[in-house]
Amino acid sequence: MAHLRLVTYSISEACERNKGPILEILVEALAQSRAVLEIGSGTGQHAVHFAAHLPHLSWQPSDRAEHLPGLQERITREASANLRPAVELDVHNLPWPVEPVDAVFTANTLHIMEWAAVQDFFRGAGAVLTAPGVLCVYGPFRYRGHYTSASNAEFDKYLQARDPRSGLRDIEDVNILSSEQGLYLLADHSMPANNQLLIWHKSA
């Protein structure tokens, strides 16, 4: 009698809700890309969904070591042919241990990281991106210190109570970091649940 294997990877309800709206933007933003590096792939739901719907891309998921077992299990069970095995990547460890790509994607990470990690994220992304290249960042942000909603203000209080080093970032501040890497803001898309999808471009 065959033994059933226990599924150990987790499910993020937020990923299930936002993967459709994000994909609608990525279809156009990544139309000319061929290789994408995802930073902080987490549960792997985005990686599996986007790779399946963007078959022209080679999608490389990554995360810190403690998140790899569940991430890799989902990839093993659900991946399409263009989704690569997950690799260990900590944004602090520069240069990143990956091949150059023409696109980098991350979702809901910059407000979880401390500011030094956000700085290293942009340094790493700038170094690994070829030109032309695209950087796509999804999540909640502030504008000149102002929140886009009361719920985002409450979320920021929650984050900082849990870890004072985390919190929503000002778009103006991250745009300075991106420009230092030769990345220029191409689009700022308002998304459901008071999130943004920022698209930067690295010129040839």
C-alpha atoms as a PDB file:
ATOM      1  CA  MET A   1       0.000   0.000   0.000  1.00  0.00           C
ATOM      2  CA  ALA A   2       1.436   3.365  -0.974  1.00  0.00           C
ATOM      3  CA  HIS A   3       2.281   5.810   1.812  1.00  0.00           C
ATOM      4  CA  LEU A   4       0.944   9.339   1.551  1.00  0.00           C
ATOM      5  CA  ARG A   5       3.611  12.021   1.882  1.00  0.00           C
ATOM      6  CA  LEU A   6       2.740  14.895   4.201  1.00  0.00           C
ATOM      7  CA  VAL A   7       2.711  18.290   2.475  1.00  0.00           C
ATOM      8  CA  THR A   8       4.735  20.645   4.668  1.00  0.00           C
ATOM      9  CA  TYR A   9       4.744  23.898   2.707  1.00  0.00           C
ATOM     10  CA  SER A  10       2.506  26.751   3.818  1.00  0.00           C
ATOM     11  CA  ILE A  11      -0.057  28.883   2.022  1.00  0.00           C
ATOM     12  CA  SER A  12      -0.201  32.674   2.143  1.00  0.00           C
ATOM     13  CA  GLU A  13      -3.712  34.049   1.688  1.00  0.00           C
ATOM     14  CA  ALA A  14      -2.230  37.400   0.643  1.00  0.00           C
ATOM     15  CA  CYS A  15      -0.299  35.694  -2.178  1.00  0.00           C
ATOM     16  CA  GLU A  16      -3.471  34.026  -3.375  1.00  0.00           C
ATOM     17  CA  ARG A  17      -5.273  37.370  -3.464  1.00  0.00           C
ATOM     18  CA  ASN A  18      -2.563  39.454  -5.124  1.00  0.00           C
ATOM     19  CA  LYS A  19      -0.997  37.047  -7.623  1.00  0.00           C
ATOM     20  CA  GLY A  20      -3.623  37.794 -10.282  1.00  0.00           C
ATOM     21  CA  PRO A  21      -3.335  41.605 -10.193  1.00  0.00           C
ATOM     22  CA  ILE A  22       0.472  41.412 -10.074  1.00  0.00           C
ATOM     23  CA  LEU A  23       0.558  39.064 -13.058  1.00  0.00           C
ATOM     24  CA  GLU A  24      -1.514  41.518 -15.117  1.00  0.00           C
ATOM     25  CA  ILE A  25       1.295  44.083 -14.733  1.00  0.00           C
ATOM     26  CA  LEU A  26       4.170  41.612 -15.131  1.00  0.00           C
ATOM     27  CA  VAL A  27       2.843  40.362 -18.475  1.00  0.00           C
ATOM     28  CA  GLU A  28       3.763  43.724 -19.978  1.00  0.00           C
ATOM     29  CA  ALA A  29       6.669  44.673 -17.700  1.00  0.00           C
ATOM     30  CA  LEU A  30       8.532  41.410 -18.376  1.00  0.00           C
ATOM     31  CA  ALA A  31       7.515  40.925 -22.010  1.00  0.00           C
ATOM     32  CA  GLN A  32      11.092  41.467 -23.243  1.00  0.00           C
ATOM     33  CA  SER A  33      12.802  39.681 -20.346  1.00  0.00           C
ATOM     34  CA  ARG A  34      14.184  36.168 -20.469  1.00  0.00           C
ATOM     35  CA  ALA A  35      15.547  35.397 -16.975  1.00  0.00           C
ATOM     36  CA  VAL A  36      14.001  36.552 -13.688  1.00  0.00           C
ATOM     37  CA  LEU A  37      15.485  36.346 -10.206  1.00  0.00           C
ATOM     38  CA  GLU A  38      12.881  36.466  -7.431  1.00  0.00           C
ATOM     39  CA  ILE A  39      14.128  37.654  -4.031  1.00  0.00           C
ATOM     40  CA  GLY A  40      12.339  36.366  -0.937  1.00  0.00           C
ATOM     41  CA  SER A  41      10.160  33.777  -2.672  1.00  0.00           C
ATOM     42  CA  GLY A  42       8.650  32.661   0.649  1.00  0.00           C
ATOM     43  CA  THR A  43       5.910  30.090   0.131  1.00  0.00           C
ATOM     44  CA  GLY A  44       6.655  29.884  -3.607  1.00  0.00           C
ATOM     45  CA  GLN A  45       3.088  30.670  -4.636  1.00  0.00           C
ATOM     46  CA  HIS A  46       4.135  33.660  -6.725  1.00  0.00           C
ATOM     47  CA  ALA A  47       6.984  31.747  -8.358  1.00  0.00           C
ATOM     48  CA  VAL A  48       4.754  28.832  -9.360  1.00  0.00           C
ATOM     49  CA  HIS A  49       1.946  31.071 -10.630  1.00  0.00           C
ATOM     50  CA  PHE A  50       4.071  33.553 -12.556  1.00  0.00           C
ATOM     51  CA  ALA A  51       6.319  30.935 -14.143  1.00  0.00           C
ATOM     52  CA  ALA A  52       3.284  28.975 -15.336  1.00  0.00           C
ATOM     53  CA  HIS A  53       1.728  32.067 -16.949  1.00  0.00           C
ATOM     54  CA  LEU A  54       4.966  33.539 -18.334  1.00  0.00           C
ATOM     55  CA  PRO A  55       6.446  30.529 -20.159  1.00  0.00           C
ATOM     56  CA  HIS A  56       8.982  32.644 -22.094  1.00  0.00           C
ATOM     57  CA  LEU A  57      10.809  33.301 -18.810  1.00  0.00           C
ATOM     58  CA  SER A  58      13.273  31.272 -16.789  1.00  0.00           C
ATOM     59  CA  TRP A  59      12.115  32.003 -13.225  1.00  0.00           C
ATOM     60  CA  GLN A  60      14.712  31.667 -10.437  1.00  0.00           C
ATOM     61  CA  PRO A  61      13.230  31.655  -6.912  1.00  0.00           C
ATOM     62  CA  SER A  62      15.431  32.362  -3.898  1.00  0.00           C
ATOM     63  CA  ASP A  63      15.231  32.848  -0.161  1.00  0.00           C
ATOM     64  CA  ARG A  64      17.193  32.563   3.054  1.00  0.00           C
ATOM     65  CA  ALA A  65      18.180  29.088   4.214  1.00  0.00           C
ATOM     66  CA  GLU A  66      15.429  28.704   6.813  1.00  0.00           C
ATOM     67  CA  HIS A  67      12.724  29.158   4.175  1.00  0.00           C
ATOM     68  CA  LEU A  68      14.149  26.841   1.514  1.00  0.00           C
ATOM     69  CA  PRO A  69      12.655  23.442   2.547  1.00  0.00           C
ATOM     70  CA  GLY A  70       9.009  24.474   2.175  1.00  0.00           C
ATOM     71  CA  LEU A  71       9.752  26.605  -0.863  1.00  0.00           C
ATOM     72  CA  GLN A  72      11.541  23.794  -2.645  1.00  0.00           C
ATOM     73  CA  GLU A  73       8.803  21.290  -1.799  1.00  0.00           C
ATOM     74  CA  ARG A  74       6.180  23.459  -3.475  1.00  0.00           C
ATOM     75  CA  ILE A  75       8.418  23.900  -6.516  1.00  0.00           C
ATOM     76  CA  THR A  76       9.025  20.150  -6.740  1.00  0.00           C
ATOM     77  CA  ARG A  77       5.311  19.396  -6.578  1.00  0.00           C
ATOM     78  CA  GLU A  78       3.814  22.235  -8.616  1.00  0.00           C
ATOM     79  CA  ALA A  79       6.470  23.742 -10.875  1.00  0.00           C
ATOM     80  CA  SER A  80       6.295  24.220 -14.607  1.00  0.00           C
ATOM     81  CA  ALA A  81       9.359  23.429 -16.711  1.00  0.00           C
ATOM     82  CA  ASN A  82      10.633  27.018 -16.696  1.00  0.00           C
ATOM     83  CA  LEU A  83      10.717  27.299 -12.868  1.00  0.00           C
ATOM     84  CA  ARG A  84      14.212  26.562 -11.554  1.00  0.00           C
ATOM     85  CA  PRO A  85      15.081  24.975  -8.195  1.00  0.00           C
ATOM     86  CA  ALA A  86      15.255  27.507  -5.368  1.00  0.00           C
ATOM     87  CA  VAL A  87      18.644  28.851  -4.345  1.00  0.00           C
ATOM     88  CA  GLU A  88      19.803  30.217  -1.008  1.00  0.00           C
ATOM     89  CA  LEU A  89      20.246  33.978  -1.090  1.00  0.00           C
ATOM     90  CA  ASP A  90      20.632  36.518   1.698  1.00  0.00           C
ATOM     91  CA  VAL A  91      20.607  40.082   0.353  1.00  0.00           C
ATOM     92  CA  HIS A  92      23.443  41.025   2.725  1.00  0.00           C
ATOM     93  CA  ASN A  93      25.846  38.544   1.098  1.00  0.00           C
ATOM     94  CA  LEU A  94      27.211  40.563  -1.787  1.00  0.00           C
ATOM     95  CA  PRO A  95      27.806  39.762  -4.557  1.00  0.00           C
ATOM     96  CA  TRP A  96      24.759  37.523  -4.837  1.00  0.00           C
ATOM     97  CA  PRO A  97      25.587  33.907  -5.779  1.00  0.00           C
ATOM     98  CA  VAL A  98      23.551  33.861  -8.996  1.00  0.00           C
ATOM     99  CA  GLU A  99      24.058  34.359 -12.711  1.00  0.00           C
ATOM    100  CA  PRO A 100      23.214  37.730 -14.304  1.00  0.00           C
ATOM    101  CA  VAL A 101      19.536  38.196 -15.196  1.00  0.00           C
ATOM    102  CA  ASP A 102      17.550  40.781 -17.098  1.00  0.00           C
ATOM    103  CA  ALA A 103      14.798  41.055 -14.463  1.00  0.00           C
ATOM    104  CA  VAL A 104      14.506  40.995 -10.674  1.00  0.00           C
ATOM    105  CA  PHE A 105      11.193  40.653  -8.802  1.00  0.00           C
ATOM    106  CA  THR A 106      10.316  40.830  -5.122  1.00  0.00           C
ATOM    107  CA  ALA A 107       7.044  41.081  -3.223  1.00  0.00           C
ATOM    108  CA  ASN A 108       6.355  42.160   0.348  1.00  0.00           C
ATOM    109  CA  THR A 109       9.974  42.188   1.446  1.00  0.00           C
ATOM    110  CA  LEU A 110      11.264  45.752   1.777  1.00  0.00           C
ATOM    111  CA  HIS A 111       9.020  46.585   4.745  1.00  0.00           C
ATOM    112  CA  ILE A 112      10.126  43.399   6.531  1.00  0.00           C
ATOM    113  CA  MET A 113      13.873  44.035   6.065  1.00  0.00           C
ATOM    114  CA  GLU A 114      15.884  46.477   8.141  1.00  0.00           C
ATOM    115  CA  TRP A 115      17.092  49.528   6.208  1.00  0.00           C
ATOM    116  CA  ALA A 116      20.626  48.117   5.773  1.00  0.00           C
ATOM    117  CA  ALA A 117      19.084  45.112   4.027  1.00  0.00           C
ATOM    118  CA  VAL A 118      17.024  47.380   1.766  1.00  0.00           C
ATOM    119  CA  GLN A 119      20.250  49.150   0.798  1.00  0.00           C
ATOM    120  CA  ASP A 120      21.930  45.809   0.083  1.00  0.00           C
ATOM    121  CA  PHE A 121      18.891  44.682  -1.902  1.00  0.00           C
ATOM    122  CA  PHE A 122      19.314  47.551  -4.345  1.00  0.00           C
ATOM    123  CA  ARG A 123      23.094  47.063  -4.496  1.00  0.00           C
ATOM    124  CA  GLY A 124      22.609  43.376  -5.259  1.00  0.00           C
ATOM    125  CA  ALA A 125      19.855  43.970  -7.786  1.00  0.00           C
ATOM    126  CA  GLY A 126      21.882  46.643  -9.550  1.00  0.00           C
ATOM    127  CA  ALA A 127      24.887  44.339  -9.799  1.00  0.00           C
ATOM    128  CA  VAL A 128      23.044  41.247 -11.034  1.00  0.00           C
ATOM    129  CA  LEU A 129      20.856  43.051 -13.587  1.00  0.00           C
ATOM    130  CA  THR A 130      22.094  43.244 -17.134  1.00  0.00           C
ATOM    131  CA  ALA A 131      21.289  46.281 -19.251  1.00  0.00           C
ATOM    132  CA  PRO A 132      18.623  46.640 -20.408  1.00  0.00           C
ATOM    133  CA  GLY A 133      17.024  45.229 -17.280  1.00  0.00           C
ATOM    134  CA  VAL A 134      13.877  45.529 -15.175  1.00  0.00           C
ATOM    135  CA  LEU A 135      13.351  45.629 -11.410  1.00  0.00           C
ATOM    136  CA  CYS A 136       9.820  45.014 -10.103  1.00  0.00           C
ATOM    137  CA  VAL A 137       8.980  45.602  -6.425  1.00  0.00           C
ATOM    138  CA  TYR A 138       5.539  44.969  -4.921  1.00  0.00           C
ATOM    139  CA  GLY A 139       4.361  46.074  -1.493  1.00  0.00           C
ATOM    140  CA  PRO A 140       3.058  48.962   0.634  1.00  0.00           C
ATOM    141  CA  PHE A 141       4.927  52.278   0.587  1.00  0.00           C
ATOM    142  CA  ARG A 142       4.663  55.822   1.873  1.00  0.00           C
ATOM    143  CA  TYR A 143       4.954  59.040  -0.127  1.00  0.00           C
ATOM    144  CA  ARG A 144       6.964  61.810   1.557  1.00  0.00           C
ATOM    145  CA  GLY A 145       6.228  60.234   4.917  1.00  0.00           C
ATOM    146  CA  HIS A 146       2.479  59.997   4.277  1.00  0.00           C
ATOM    147  CA  TYR A 147       0.538  56.739   4.200  1.00  0.00           C
ATOM    148  CA  THR A 148      -1.805  55.887   1.354  1.00  0.00           C
ATOM    149  CA  SER A 149      -4.426  54.552   3.800  1.00  0.00           C
ATOM    150  CA  ALA A 150      -5.251  54.286   7.494  1.00  0.00           C
ATOM    151  CA  SER A 151      -4.772  50.528   7.288  1.00  0.00           C
ATOM    152  CA  ASN A 152      -1.197  51.004   6.034  1.00  0.00           C
ATOM    153  CA  ALA A 153      -0.487  53.330   8.971  1.00  0.00           C
ATOM    154  CA  GLU A 154      -1.764  50.674  11.373  1.00  0.00           C
ATOM    155  CA  PHE A 155       0.246  48.004   9.584  1.00  0.00           C
ATOM    156  CA  ASP A 156       3.385  50.109   9.929  1.00  0.00           C
ATOM    157  CA  LYS A 157       2.791  50.486  13.686  1.00  0.00           C
ATOM    158  CA  TYR A 158       2.420  46.722  13.949  1.00  0.00           C
ATOM    159  CA  LEU A 159       5.636  46.093  12.030  1.00  0.00           C
ATOM    160  CA  GLN A 160       7.675  48.528  14.101  1.00  0.00           C
ATOM    161  CA  ALA A 161       6.280  47.199  17.380  1.00  0.00           C
ATOM    162  CA  ARG A 162       7.421  43.740  16.323  1.00  0.00           C
ATOM    163  CA  ASP A 163      10.786  44.928  14.996  1.00  0.00           C
ATOM    164  CA  PRO A 164      11.731  48.642  15.195  1.00  0.00           C
ATOM    165  CA  ARG A 165      14.127  48.178  12.251  1.00  0.00           C
ATOM    166  CA  SER A 166      11.291  47.260   9.866  1.00  0.00           C
ATOM    167  CA  GLY A 167       8.449  49.359   8.486  1.00  0.00           C
ATOM    168  CA  LEU A 168       6.992  50.892   5.348  1.00  0.00           C
ATOM    169  CA  ARG A 169       9.558  52.714   3.216  1.00  0.00           C
ATOM    170  CA  ASP A 170       9.200  56.069   1.515  1.00  0.00           C
ATOM    171  CA  ILE A 171       9.212  55.736  -2.250  1.00  0.00           C
ATOM    172  CA  GLU A 172      11.484  58.780  -2.435  1.00  0.00           C
ATOM    173  CA  ASP A 173      14.113  57.001  -0.304  1.00  0.00           C
ATOM    174  CA  VAL A 174      14.107  53.753  -2.276  1.00  0.00           C
ATOM    175  CA  ASN A 175      14.183  55.744  -5.494  1.00  0.00           C
ATOM    176  CA  ILE A 176      17.458  57.320  -4.359  1.00  0.00           C
ATOM    177  CA  LEU A 177      18.888  53.828  -3.778  1.00  0.00           C
ATOM    178  CA  SER A 178      17.720  52.672  -7.202  1.00  0.00           C
ATOM    179  CA  SER A 179      19.171  55.680  -9.001  1.00  0.00           C
ATOM    180  CA  GLU A 180      22.557  54.976  -7.401  1.00  0.00           C
ATOM    181  CA  GLN A 181      22.460  51.646  -9.278  1.00  0.00           C
ATOM    182  CA  GLY A 182      21.524  53.176 -12.619  1.00  0.00           C
ATOM    183  CA  LEU A 183      17.861  52.229 -12.206  1.00  0.00           C
ATOM    184  CA  TYR A 184      15.182  54.753 -13.082  1.00  0.00           C
ATOM    185  CA  LEU A 185      11.530  54.578 -12.094  1.00  0.00           C
ATOM    186  CA  LEU A 186       9.464  53.679 -15.129  1.00  0.00           C
ATOM    187  CA  ALA A 187       6.037  53.068 -13.561  1.00  0.00           C
ATOM    188  CA  ASP A 188       4.245  53.219 -10.214  1.00  0.00           C
ATOM    189  CA  HIS A 189       1.103  51.079 -10.295  1.00  0.00           C
ATOM    190  CA  SER A 190      -1.550  51.350  -7.584  1.00  0.00           C
ATOM    191  CA  MET A 191      -2.628  47.854  -6.605  1.00  0.00           C
ATOM    192  CA  PRO A 192      -5.421  46.323  -4.493  1.00  0.00           C
ATOM    193  CA  ALA A 193      -5.192  46.460  -0.684  1.00  0.00           C
ATOM    194  CA  ASN A 194      -3.234  49.743  -0.765  1.00  0.00           C
ATOM    195  CA  ASN A 195      -0.095  48.280  -2.309  1.00  0.00           C
ATOM    196  CA  GLN A 196       2.101  49.518  -5.141  1.00  0.00           C
ATOM    197  CA  LEU A 197       3.994  47.755  -7.923  1.00  0.00           C
ATOM    198  CA  LEU A 198       7.081  49.777  -8.800  1.00  0.00           C
ATOM    199  CA  ILE A 199       8.921  49.167 -12.064  1.00  0.00           C
ATOM    200  CA  TRP A 200      12.494  50.377 -12.531  1.00  0.00           C
ATOM    201  CA  HIS A 201      14.480  50.181 -15.757  1.00  0.00           C
ATOM    202  CA  LYS A 202      18.216  49.782 -16.261  1.00  0.00           C
ATOM    203  CA  SER A 203      19.199  51.296 -19.584  1.00  0.00           C
ATOM    204  CA  ALA A 204      21.604  49.699 -22.009  1.00  0.00           C
END
